[in-house]
């Protein structure tokens, strides 16, 4: 069974500009966090093209919100 068939919503890829805009984190900081294992890894689309799964980025953002709420409670 394909990954698409297992998921309820369609798979969407977002480019670096969108990831940076959604997270408020610069490209260089995103890549530092990827190297540190604290941000989802990108998917290589070609020799000079990468994108992220929108669902991975959204899950990362949601986790930061939950973590922030837990720290302030």
N, C-alpha and C. Protein backbone atom coordinates (compact mmCIF):
# COMPACT_ATOMS: atom_id res chain seq x y z
N UNK A 1 0.84 -1.17 0.00
CA UNK A 1 0.00 0.00 0.00
C UNK A 1 0.89 1.24 0.00
N UNK A 2 0.56 2.21 -0.83
CA UNK A 2 1.38 3.42 -0.93
C UNK A 2 1.16 4.33 0.27
N UNK A 3 2.10 5.24 0.47
CA UNK A 3 1.99 6.22 1.55
C UNK A 3 0.72 7.05 1.37
N UNK A 4 0.43 7.46 0.15
CA UNK A 4 -0.75 8.27 -0.14
C UNK A 4 -2.03 7.52 0.23
N UNK A 5 -2.10 6.23 -0.05
CA UNK A 5 -3.30 5.46 0.23
C UNK A 5 -3.53 5.32 1.73
N UNK A 6 -2.48 5.36 2.54
CA UNK A 6 -2.61 5.21 3.98
C UNK A 6 -3.05 6.49 4.66
N UNK A 7 -2.80 7.63 4.07
CA UNK A 7 -3.11 8.90 4.72
C UNK A 7 -4.50 9.39 4.30
N UNK A 8 -5.11 10.16 5.19
CA UNK A 8 -6.43 10.70 4.91
C UNK A 8 -6.34 11.92 4.00
N UNK A 9 -5.41 12.82 4.29
CA UNK A 9 -5.27 14.01 3.47
C UNK A 9 -4.16 13.81 2.44
N UNK A 10 -4.23 14.54 1.33
CA UNK A 10 -3.20 14.39 0.31
C UNK A 10 -1.83 14.87 0.81
N UNK A 11 -0.80 14.26 0.29
CA UNK A 11 0.56 14.66 0.65
C UNK A 11 0.87 15.96 -0.07
N UNK A 12 1.34 16.95 0.71
CA UNK A 12 1.72 18.24 0.13
C UNK A 12 3.16 18.53 0.51
N UNK A 13 3.90 19.03 -0.44
CA UNK A 13 5.28 19.43 -0.21
C UNK A 13 5.35 20.95 -0.19
N UNK A 14 6.18 21.49 0.70
CA UNK A 14 6.37 22.94 0.75
C UNK A 14 7.86 23.25 0.65
N UNK A 15 8.16 24.33 0.00
CA UNK A 15 9.54 24.73 -0.25
C UNK A 15 10.09 25.54 0.92
N UNK A 16 11.39 25.75 0.90
CA UNK A 16 12.10 26.42 1.99
C UNK A 16 11.49 27.77 2.35
N UNK A 17 11.15 28.57 1.37
CA UNK A 17 10.57 29.90 1.64
C UNK A 17 9.30 29.77 2.50
N UNK A 18 8.46 28.79 2.17
CA UNK A 18 7.23 28.58 2.93
C UNK A 18 7.51 28.05 4.32
N UNK A 19 8.47 27.14 4.43
CA UNK A 19 8.84 26.60 5.75
C UNK A 19 9.34 27.72 6.64
N UNK A 20 10.20 28.54 6.11
CA UNK A 20 10.75 29.67 6.86
C UNK A 20 9.64 30.65 7.26
N UNK A 21 8.73 30.93 6.36
CA UNK A 21 7.63 31.86 6.65
C UNK A 21 6.70 31.28 7.73
N UNK A 22 6.42 30.00 7.66
CA UNK A 22 5.51 29.38 8.64
C UNK A 22 6.13 29.29 10.03
N UNK A 23 7.43 29.06 10.09
CA UNK A 23 8.08 28.85 11.38
C UNK A 23 8.69 30.13 11.95
N UNK A 24 8.98 31.09 11.08
CA UNK A 24 9.67 32.30 11.52
C UNK A 24 11.15 32.06 11.76
N UNK A 25 11.67 30.98 11.20
CA UNK A 25 13.08 30.59 11.38
C UNK A 25 13.81 30.75 10.05
N UNK A 26 15.00 31.33 10.10
CA UNK A 26 15.79 31.54 8.88
C UNK A 26 16.24 30.20 8.29
N UNK A 27 16.61 30.23 7.02
CA UNK A 27 17.06 29.03 6.34
C UNK A 27 18.27 28.41 7.03
N UNK A 28 19.24 29.24 7.40
CA UNK A 28 20.44 28.70 8.03
C UNK A 28 20.12 28.06 9.38
N UNK A 29 19.21 28.64 10.13
CA UNK A 29 18.82 28.06 11.42
C UNK A 29 18.04 26.76 11.21
N UNK A 30 17.19 26.72 10.18
CA UNK A 30 16.47 25.48 9.88
C UNK A 30 17.46 24.35 9.62
N UNK A 31 18.48 24.62 8.81
CA UNK A 31 19.45 23.58 8.49
C UNK A 31 20.28 23.19 9.72
N UNK A 32 20.56 24.13 10.61
CA UNK A 32 21.24 23.78 11.87
C UNK A 32 20.38 22.84 12.70
N UNK A 33 19.09 23.14 12.76
CA UNK A 33 18.18 22.30 13.54
C UNK A 33 18.00 20.92 12.90
N UNK A 34 18.00 20.85 11.59
CA UNK A 34 17.95 19.55 10.91
C UNK A 34 19.18 18.74 11.28
N UNK A 35 20.35 19.37 11.23
CA UNK A 35 21.60 18.68 11.58
C UNK A 35 21.59 18.21 13.03
N UNK A 36 20.94 18.99 13.90
CA UNK A 36 20.87 18.64 15.33
C UNK A 36 19.77 17.62 15.60
N UNK A 37 18.93 17.36 14.61
CA UNK A 37 17.85 16.40 14.78
C UNK A 37 16.62 16.98 15.47
N UNK A 38 16.49 18.32 15.48
CA UNK A 38 15.37 18.95 16.15
C UNK A 38 14.35 19.57 15.19
N UNK A 39 14.51 19.31 13.91
CA UNK A 39 13.57 19.78 12.90
C UNK A 39 13.47 18.70 11.83
N UNK A 40 12.28 18.51 11.24
CA UNK A 40 12.12 17.46 10.22
C UNK A 40 13.07 17.62 9.04
N UNK A 41 13.56 16.51 8.55
CA UNK A 41 14.46 16.52 7.39
C UNK A 41 13.69 16.81 6.11
N UNK A 42 14.38 17.42 5.19
CA UNK A 42 13.81 17.73 3.89
C UNK A 42 13.82 16.49 3.00
N UNK A 43 13.01 16.55 1.94
CA UNK A 43 12.96 15.50 0.93
C UNK A 43 13.66 16.03 -0.31
N UNK A 44 14.58 15.26 -0.84
CA UNK A 44 15.31 15.69 -2.03
C UNK A 44 14.47 15.36 -3.27
N UNK A 45 14.16 16.41 -4.03
CA UNK A 45 13.37 16.25 -5.24
C UNK A 45 14.23 16.12 -6.48
N UNK A 46 15.45 16.59 -6.39
CA UNK A 46 16.38 16.57 -7.51
C UNK A 46 17.73 17.03 -7.01
N UNK A 47 18.70 17.18 -7.90
CA UNK A 47 20.05 17.56 -7.49
C UNK A 47 20.12 18.89 -6.73
N UNK A 48 19.24 19.82 -7.06
CA UNK A 48 19.29 21.15 -6.42
C UNK A 48 17.92 21.58 -5.91
N UNK A 49 17.08 20.63 -5.56
CA UNK A 49 15.72 20.96 -5.14
C UNK A 49 15.30 20.11 -3.95
N UNK A 50 14.83 20.77 -2.90
CA UNK A 50 14.33 20.06 -1.72
C UNK A 50 12.99 20.67 -1.31
N UNK A 51 12.23 19.90 -0.55
CA UNK A 51 10.96 20.37 0.01
C UNK A 51 10.71 19.58 1.28
N UNK A 52 9.74 20.04 2.05
CA UNK A 52 9.37 19.38 3.29
C UNK A 52 7.94 18.91 3.19
N UNK A 53 7.62 17.83 3.90
CA UNK A 53 6.24 17.41 4.00
C UNK A 53 5.50 18.45 4.85
N UNK A 54 4.43 18.99 4.32
CA UNK A 54 3.66 19.99 5.05
C UNK A 54 3.20 19.43 6.40
N UNK A 55 2.83 18.17 6.42
CA UNK A 55 2.35 17.55 7.66
C UNK A 55 3.46 17.49 8.71
N UNK A 56 4.71 17.25 8.30
CA UNK A 56 5.84 17.24 9.24
C UNK A 56 6.06 18.63 9.84
N UNK A 57 6.00 19.65 9.00
CA UNK A 57 6.22 21.02 9.47
C UNK A 57 5.08 21.43 10.41
N UNK A 58 3.85 21.11 10.02
CA UNK A 58 2.71 21.43 10.88
C UNK A 58 2.80 20.72 12.22
N UNK A 59 3.21 19.46 12.22
CA UNK A 59 3.35 18.71 13.47
C UNK A 59 4.44 19.33 14.34
N UNK A 60 5.53 19.77 13.73
CA UNK A 60 6.62 20.41 14.49
C UNK A 60 6.11 21.69 15.15
N UNK A 61 5.36 22.50 14.39
CA UNK A 61 4.82 23.76 14.93
C UNK A 61 3.86 23.45 16.08
N UNK A 62 2.97 22.49 15.89
CA UNK A 62 2.01 22.13 16.94
C UNK A 62 2.73 21.66 18.20
N UNK A 63 3.79 20.90 18.03
CA UNK A 63 4.56 20.42 19.19
C UNK A 63 5.19 21.59 19.94
N UNK A 64 5.68 22.61 19.21
CA UNK A 64 6.25 23.78 19.87
C UNK A 64 5.18 24.53 20.66
N UNK A 65 3.97 24.62 20.11
CA UNK A 65 2.88 25.30 20.80
C UNK A 65 2.53 24.56 22.08
N UNK A 66 2.38 23.24 21.99
CA UNK A 66 2.06 22.43 23.17
C UNK A 66 3.17 22.57 24.22
N UNK A 67 4.41 22.50 23.79
CA UNK A 67 5.54 22.62 24.71
C UNK A 67 5.53 23.99 25.40
N UNK A 68 5.25 25.03 24.64
CA UNK A 68 5.20 26.38 25.19
C UNK A 68 4.08 26.51 26.22
N UNK A 69 2.92 25.94 25.92
CA UNK A 69 1.78 26.00 26.83
C UNK A 69 2.09 25.24 28.12
N UNK A 70 2.77 24.14 27.99
CA UNK A 70 3.13 23.32 29.16
C UNK A 70 4.10 24.08 30.05
N UNK A 71 5.04 24.82 29.46
CA UNK A 71 6.03 25.55 30.22
C UNK A 71 5.43 26.75 30.94
N UNK A 72 4.37 27.34 30.35
CA UNK A 72 3.77 28.52 30.96
C UNK A 72 2.64 28.17 31.92
N UNK A 73 2.24 26.91 31.95
CA UNK A 73 1.13 26.49 32.85
C UNK A 73 1.61 26.21 34.24
